[in-house]
Protein backbone atom coordinates (compact mmCIF):
# COMPACT_ATOMS: atom_id res chain seq x y z
CA MET A 1 19.78 1.85 -9.22
CA ARG A 2 17.87 5.02 -8.16
CA SER A 3 14.13 5.47 -7.61
CA VAL A 4 11.39 7.79 -6.95
CA LEU A 5 8.38 6.46 -5.15
CA PHE A 6 4.77 7.79 -5.31
CA ALA A 7 3.13 5.68 -2.43
CA TYR A 8 0.36 5.48 0.10
CA SER A 9 -1.44 3.15 2.24
CA ASP A 10 -0.49 -0.36 3.36
CA VAL A 11 0.56 -1.39 -0.03
CA GLY A 12 2.72 1.60 -0.25
CA TYR A 13 4.07 1.08 2.97
CA VAL A 14 5.25 -2.47 2.70
CA CYS A 15 6.62 -1.91 -1.00
CA LEU A 16 8.99 0.91 0.21
CA ASP A 17 10.20 -1.27 3.09
CA VAL A 18 11.04 -4.22 0.65
CA LEU A 19 12.81 -1.80 -1.63
CA LEU A 20 14.80 -0.44 1.53
CA GLU A 21 15.43 -3.94 2.89
CA LEU A 22 17.06 -5.16 -0.69
CA GLY A 23 18.97 -1.93 -0.47
CA ALA A 24 17.35 0.18 -3.20
CA GLU A 25 18.52 3.88 -3.43
CA VAL A 26 15.43 5.91 -2.87
CA ALA A 27 15.97 9.60 -3.94
CA ALA A 28 12.48 10.98 -2.79
CA VAL A 29 9.05 9.63 -1.61
CA PHE A 30 5.93 11.47 -2.84
CA THR A 31 2.71 10.82 -0.78
CA HIS A 32 -0.52 12.03 0.26
CA ASP A 33 -1.61 14.05 3.52
CA ASP A 34 -4.00 12.06 5.33
CA ASP A 35 -7.60 13.04 4.94
CA PRO A 36 -9.07 14.12 8.14
CA GLY A 37 -12.41 12.87 7.14
CA GLU A 38 -11.23 9.71 6.28
CA GLU A 39 -10.86 6.65 8.44
CA ILE A 40 -7.11 5.89 8.46
CA TRP A 41 -6.42 2.30 9.29
CA PHE A 42 -3.29 2.08 7.18
CA ARG A 43 0.33 2.42 8.19
CA SER A 44 1.90 5.63 7.32
CA VAL A 45 4.37 5.76 3.91
CA ARG A 46 5.71 9.30 5.35
CA ARG A 47 6.46 8.14 8.57
CA LEU A 48 8.37 5.26 7.25
CA ALA A 49 10.43 7.49 4.90
CA GLU A 50 10.96 9.92 7.49
CA GLN A 51 12.51 7.25 9.87
CA HIS A 52 15.12 6.55 7.05
CA ARG A 53 15.53 10.14 6.60
CA LEU A 54 14.38 10.16 2.92
CA PRO A 55 12.99 13.36 1.31
CA VAL A 56 8.98 13.35 1.48
CA PHE A 57 6.93 15.61 -0.80
CA THR A 58 3.14 16.00 -0.69
CA PRO A 59 2.14 18.24 -3.51
CA GLU A 60 -1.27 18.32 -5.09
CA ARG A 61 -0.13 18.58 -8.47
CA LEU A 62 2.54 17.49 -10.47
CA ASP A 63 2.50 19.02 -13.59
CA GLY A 64 2.97 22.68 -11.99
CA GLY A 65 6.03 24.20 -10.20
CA ASP A 66 9.39 22.78 -10.92
CA TRP A 67 8.54 19.26 -9.72
CA ILE A 68 9.22 17.86 -13.51
CA ALA A 69 12.56 19.48 -13.45
CA ARG A 70 13.30 17.95 -9.85
CA LEU A 71 12.61 14.42 -11.02
CA ARG A 72 14.95 14.83 -13.89
CA ALA A 73 17.49 16.08 -11.83
CA TRP A 74 17.35 13.03 -9.35
CA GLN A 75 18.01 10.94 -12.73
CA PRO A 76 15.92 8.12 -11.34
CA ASP A 77 16.13 4.84 -13.08
CA PHE A 78 12.81 3.63 -12.16
CA ILE A 79 9.48 5.39 -10.67
CA PHE A 80 7.36 3.29 -8.68
CA SER A 81 3.68 4.03 -7.98
CA PHE A 82 2.41 2.08 -5.05
CA TYR A 83 -1.35 3.00 -4.34
CA TYR A 84 -0.76 6.48 -5.20
CA ARG A 85 -4.24 8.01 -5.56
CA ARG A 86 -3.35 10.19 -8.71
CA LEU A 87 -2.64 9.42 -12.25
CA LEU A 88 0.81 10.52 -12.90
CA PRO A 89 1.47 12.96 -15.81
CA VAL A 90 3.20 11.56 -18.84
CA ALA A 91 6.38 13.88 -18.23
CA VAL A 92 6.54 12.30 -14.75
CA LEU A 93 6.92 8.89 -16.46
CA GLU A 94 9.25 9.86 -18.95
CA SER A 95 11.87 11.04 -16.18
CA ALA A 96 12.57 7.24 -15.42
CA ARG A 97 15.50 6.07 -17.42
CA ARG A 98 14.55 2.67 -17.22
CA GLY A 99 10.55 2.94 -16.83
CA ALA A 100 7.81 3.80 -14.45
CA LEU A 101 6.01 1.06 -12.98
CA ASN A 102 2.58 0.81 -10.97
CA LEU A 103 1.38 -1.77 -8.51
CA HIS A 104 -2.19 -2.72 -9.21
CA GLY A 105 -4.73 -4.53 -6.87
CA SER A 106 -6.12 -6.95 -9.29
CA LEU A 107 -5.03 -9.56 -11.87
CA LEU A 108 -4.85 -7.28 -15.11
CA PRO A 109 -6.47 -6.60 -17.51
CA HIS A 110 -9.31 -7.58 -15.17
CA TYR A 111 -10.48 -4.82 -12.77
CA ARG A 112 -8.52 -1.79 -14.11
CA GLY A 113 -9.26 1.27 -12.57
CA ARG A 114 -10.44 2.31 -9.04
CA CYS A 115 -11.35 0.45 -5.88
CA PRO A 116 -10.66 -3.01 -7.40
CA ALA A 117 -10.67 -4.89 -3.92
CA ASN A 118 -14.03 -3.53 -3.37
CA TRP A 119 -15.30 -4.16 -6.72
CA VAL A 120 -14.23 -7.78 -6.79
CA LEU A 121 -16.26 -8.78 -3.62
CA ILE A 122 -19.41 -6.75 -4.83
CA ASN A 123 -19.12 -9.14 -8.10
CA GLY A 124 -18.76 -12.10 -6.15
CA GLU A 125 -15.17 -13.05 -7.52
CA ARG A 126 -13.46 -16.07 -6.10
CA GLU A 127 -9.83 -14.80 -6.89
CA THR A 128 -8.02 -11.80 -7.49
CA GLY A 129 -4.51 -10.73 -7.11
CA VAL A 130 -1.64 -7.91 -7.67
CA THR A 131 0.05 -6.66 -10.99
CA LEU A 132 3.01 -4.81 -11.54
CA HIS A 133 2.88 -3.23 -14.86
CA TYR A 134 4.72 -0.46 -16.87
CA MET A 135 2.70 3.14 -16.59
CA VAL A 136 1.62 4.50 -19.96
CA ALA A 137 -0.89 7.64 -20.37
CA LYS A 138 -3.96 5.25 -20.08
CA ALA A 139 -4.40 3.92 -16.53
CA ASP A 140 -3.38 0.46 -15.73
CA ALA A 141 -3.09 -0.54 -19.35
CA GLY A 142 0.87 -0.82 -19.75
CA ASP A 143 2.78 -4.07 -20.18
CA ILE A 144 2.73 -6.48 -17.31
CA VAL A 145 5.92 -7.46 -15.35
CA ALA A 146 4.66 -9.75 -12.67
CA GLN A 147 1.26 -11.02 -10.96
CA ARG A 148 0.60 -12.80 -7.59
CA ARG A 149 -2.75 -14.45 -7.50
CA VAL A 150 -4.66 -14.08 -4.07
CA ALA A 151 -7.63 -16.30 -3.16
CA ILE A 152 -10.92 -14.80 -1.81
CA ALA A 153 -12.57 -16.40 0.85
CA ASP A 154 -16.28 -16.37 1.23
CA ASP A 155 -16.11 -14.44 4.42
CA ASP A 156 -13.30 -11.85 3.32
CA THR A 157 -14.27 -8.25 3.75
CA ALA A 158 -12.33 -5.38 1.88
CA TYR A 159 -10.25 -5.09 4.87
CA SER A 160 -9.22 -8.69 5.24
CA LEU A 161 -8.71 -8.77 1.21
CA HIS A 162 -6.49 -5.63 1.43
CA GLY A 163 -4.19 -7.44 4.27
CA LYS A 164 -3.80 -10.49 1.79
CA LEU A 165 -3.00 -8.07 -1.31
CA THR A 166 -0.40 -6.25 0.97
CA SER A 167 1.36 -9.29 1.73
CA ALA A 168 1.27 -10.54 -2.05
CA ALA A 169 2.64 -7.14 -3.05
CA ALA A 170 5.65 -7.42 -0.79
CA GLU A 171 6.36 -10.95 -2.06
CA LEU A 172 6.04 -9.77 -5.51
CA MET A 173 8.21 -6.72 -5.19
CA ARG A 174 11.14 -8.92 -3.16
CA GLU A 175 10.77 -11.18 -6.14
CA THR A 176 10.81 -8.92 -8.97
CA TYR A 177 12.92 -6.10 -8.00
CA PRO A 178 15.90 -7.72 -8.65
CA ARG A 179 15.09 -8.70 -11.74
CA LEU A 180 14.28 -5.34 -12.83
CA CYS A 181 17.88 -4.23 -12.13
CA ASP A 182 19.53 -6.90 -13.96
CA GLY A 183 17.10 -6.71 -16.73
CA SER A 184 15.40 -10.30 -16.71
CA ALA A 185 12.00 -9.23 -15.81
CA ALA A 186 9.43 -10.33 -18.10
CA ARG A 187 7.43 -7.69 -20.16
CA VAL A 188 3.89 -8.81 -21.55
CA ARG A 189 1.70 -6.66 -23.39
CA GLN A 190 -1.99 -6.60 -22.13
CA ASP A 191 -5.06 -7.37 -24.20
CA LEU A 192 -7.43 -4.78 -22.68
CA SER A 193 -10.43 -6.27 -25.12
CA GLN A 194 -10.32 -9.19 -22.46
CA GLY A 195 -10.31 -7.09 -19.32
CA SER A 196 -12.56 -4.77 -17.69
CA TYR A 197 -12.71 -1.35 -16.14
CA PHE A 198 -14.37 0.06 -13.04
CA GLY A 199 -14.63 3.68 -11.62
CA GLY A 200 -14.47 4.74 -8.33
CA ARG A 201 -17.04 4.29 -5.44
CA ARG A 202 -18.84 7.04 -3.33
CA PRO A 203 -20.61 6.64 0.10
CA ALA A 204 -23.74 6.83 -1.77
CA ASP A 205 -23.16 3.68 -3.59
CA GLY A 206 -23.85 1.84 -0.45
CA VAL A 207 -27.62 1.78 -0.86
CA ILE A 208 -29.05 -1.65 -0.63
CA ASP A 209 -31.30 -2.91 -3.53
CA TRP A 210 -33.50 -5.31 -1.93
CA THR A 211 -34.65 -6.44 -5.35
CA ARG A 212 -31.44 -8.03 -5.58
CA GLY A 213 -30.48 -11.56 -4.45
CA ALA A 214 -29.35 -12.08 -0.68
CA ARG A 215 -26.02 -13.01 -1.83
CA GLN A 216 -25.49 -9.98 -3.84
CA ILE A 217 -26.48 -7.85 -0.99
CA TYR A 218 -24.44 -9.88 1.30
CA ASP A 219 -21.43 -9.40 -1.16
CA LEU A 220 -22.01 -5.68 -1.08
CA VAL A 221 -22.16 -5.42 2.67
CA ARG A 222 -18.68 -7.23 3.08
CA ALA A 223 -17.24 -4.94 0.37
CA VAL A 224 -17.92 -1.86 1.91
CA THR A 225 -17.92 -2.67 5.58
CA HIS A 226 -15.35 -1.09 7.98
CA PRO A 227 -13.18 0.93 7.42
CA TYR A 228 -15.28 1.96 4.33
CA PRO A 229 -18.55 3.98 4.43
CA GLY A 230 -20.87 0.89 4.67
CA ALA A 231 -23.97 -0.59 3.07
CA PHE A 232 -27.27 0.92 4.24
CA THR A 233 -31.23 0.65 4.03
CA SER A 234 -33.67 3.23 4.76
CA TRP A 235 -36.05 3.01 7.96
CA ARG A 236 -38.48 6.00 8.84
CA GLY A 237 -36.49 8.21 6.50
CA GLN A 238 -33.07 7.32 8.29
CA GLN A 239 -30.33 5.41 7.21
CA LEU A 240 -29.75 2.13 8.80
CA PHE A 241 -26.30 0.45 7.98
CA ILE A 242 -25.66 -3.29 8.07
CA TRP A 243 -21.88 -3.74 8.88
CA SER A 244 -21.90 -7.68 8.71
CA SER A 245 -24.60 -10.13 7.59
CA GLN A 246 -24.86 -13.61 6.21
CA VAL A 247 -27.39 -15.31 3.88
CA GLU A 248 -30.09 -17.13 5.34
CA GLY A 249 -31.87 -20.01 4.15
CA ARG A 250 -32.52 -21.05 0.16
CA ASP A 251 -31.97 -19.11 -2.74
CA GLU A 252 -35.79 -18.76 -3.66
CA PRO A 253 -37.87 -16.19 -4.98
CA ALA A 254 -39.27 -13.44 -2.75
CA SER A 255 -42.66 -14.78 -1.19
CA VAL A 256 -43.21 -11.26 0.85
CA PRO A 257 -42.39 -7.68 -0.21
CA VAL A 258 -38.78 -7.05 -0.61
CA GLY A 259 -37.12 -5.72 2.17
CA THR A 260 -39.64 -6.86 4.57
CA VAL A 261 -39.04 -8.18 8.10
CA VAL A 262 -39.33 -11.84 8.47
CA ALA A 263 -37.98 -12.66 11.54
CA ILE A 264 -36.16 -11.25 14.59
CA ASP A 265 -33.59 -13.09 16.93
CA ASP A 266 -29.84 -12.49 17.10
CA GLY A 267 -30.17 -10.62 13.78
CA LEU A 268 -32.78 -9.04 11.63
CA VAL A 269 -33.59 -11.25 8.81
CA MET A 270 -35.09 -9.23 5.70
CA GLN A 271 -36.49 -10.80 2.25
CA ALA A 272 -34.44 -10.03 -0.65
CA GLY A 273 -35.17 -10.56 -4.36
CA ARG A 274 -34.06 -13.97 -4.00
CA GLY A 275 -33.46 -15.43 -0.71
CA ARG A 276 -33.15 -13.78 2.92
CA LEU A 277 -30.48 -11.75 4.47
CA ARG A 278 -29.79 -11.85 8.24
CA ALA A 279 -28.23 -8.56 9.24
CA LEU A 280 -26.15 -9.44 12.16
CA ARG A 281 -24.49 -5.92 13.30
CA VAL A 282 -26.44 -2.71 12.53
CA GLN A 283 -26.01 1.01 13.11
CA LEU A 284 -28.91 3.58 12.87
CA ALA A 285 -27.23 6.93 11.68
CA GLY A 286 -26.26 8.88 15.00
CA GLU A 287 -26.32 5.73 17.27
CA PRO A 288 -23.90 3.17 18.32
CA GLU A 289 -23.44 -0.04 16.48
CA ALA A 290 -25.44 -3.00 17.54
CA ASP A 291 -26.72 -6.56 17.17
CA GLY A 292 -29.34 -6.69 14.65
CA GLY A 293 -31.89 -8.33 16.73
CA GLU A 294 -31.03 -6.12 19.98
CA TRP A 295 -31.41 -2.84 17.83
CA ALA A 296 -35.10 -4.28 16.58
CA ARG A 297 -36.17 -4.76 19.71
CA ARG A 298 -35.15 -1.69 21.26
CA HIS A 299 -36.81 0.39 18.40
CA GLY A 300 -39.92 -1.62 18.27
CA VAL A 301 -39.49 -3.16 14.81
CA GLU A 302 -41.53 -6.05 14.34
CA GLU A 303 -42.22 -8.82 11.67
CA GLY A 304 -43.85 -7.23 8.57
CA THR A 305 -41.82 -3.96 9.00
CA GLN A 306 -40.49 -3.16 5.47
CA PHE A 307 -36.97 -1.48 4.64
CA THR A 308 -36.47 0.25 1.51
C-alpha cells in the first residue's frame, strides 16, 4: 500500500515512524516550515523523513501549481493527515484510491476543530482521546475508523496531555493500519448533532477573568502554560503571566473584590469569583520567571493590591 503523508508536530512524527516500522510505502511527506516566532518543542517530521530518504515538501498552498497532478501520479492508496495545520482541498482527498484519513486529538464528534487538547483542559474535562477518521470537505466530520481514550489527570497541562495523546496516536496507528490495508477496519458514521466544535486560540485569549471561579482560572492556566503563550492578568498596565497555580481553600463566593491579593507566601493568593487562586510561578513581561511570593515581595506588592 502506498501512502502520502501530511504531517507535523509530535503526533505527525510518531505516526510516520509507526508506518515506516510497519513497512508502509510512503511516496512523499508534506509538512510545514517551523515558524521562527513559535516555541518549537516537538520533534521534526521533516528530519525523520529525510533520514529515511523520503521526498519532503512544504508548500504554502496545495490548490495551486501542479500539486494535484503530482499527487495523482503517485497513485496513493491512502492519504494521511497527522496534525497537519491546513485543511486539505477535496481534490487532494480524492486522489487517494482507498481513502484519505485524519488523526484528530479528541474523541469525535466532541471537540471538532482547532486546539482540542487546550480546550478540553479549559473546560475541565476528565477524558479525551484520539480519533482516526475519513476526511470529507467539512472539518473532522467523516466516518470514524478507530479511537483511543486518554484519561486527563488533575495536574495535566497541555504539554503533558499532548504527550499522552502522542502515545495513544502511535498505538492506534500500529493497531489500525494493518486493518486498513486488509479491509477489515471499521467505518462508523459520526452524529455531529451529539458533538461540539471549537475554533482556534490566540495569545490574547489567555487573559484571566477574575470573576470566574478559581478552578476555572486554574484550568485556563494549565491549558495555556509553557510551551503555549500563557494566561495573564494586568498589574500597573503590564501583563503578569501566571505559569502555574493551584486552587486555594474552599469554593466560596468572593469576600473581597475579585483579583485582590489576600495573602503572600510562597505564592501570590488572589481572590476569584468563587474561591481563591495561588499563583506559584509568575512572570512580568520583560522579566525572568519567578516564584509568585518572591516576585510580589520584590515589586512591593501587598495584601489588598488588585489585579485586573
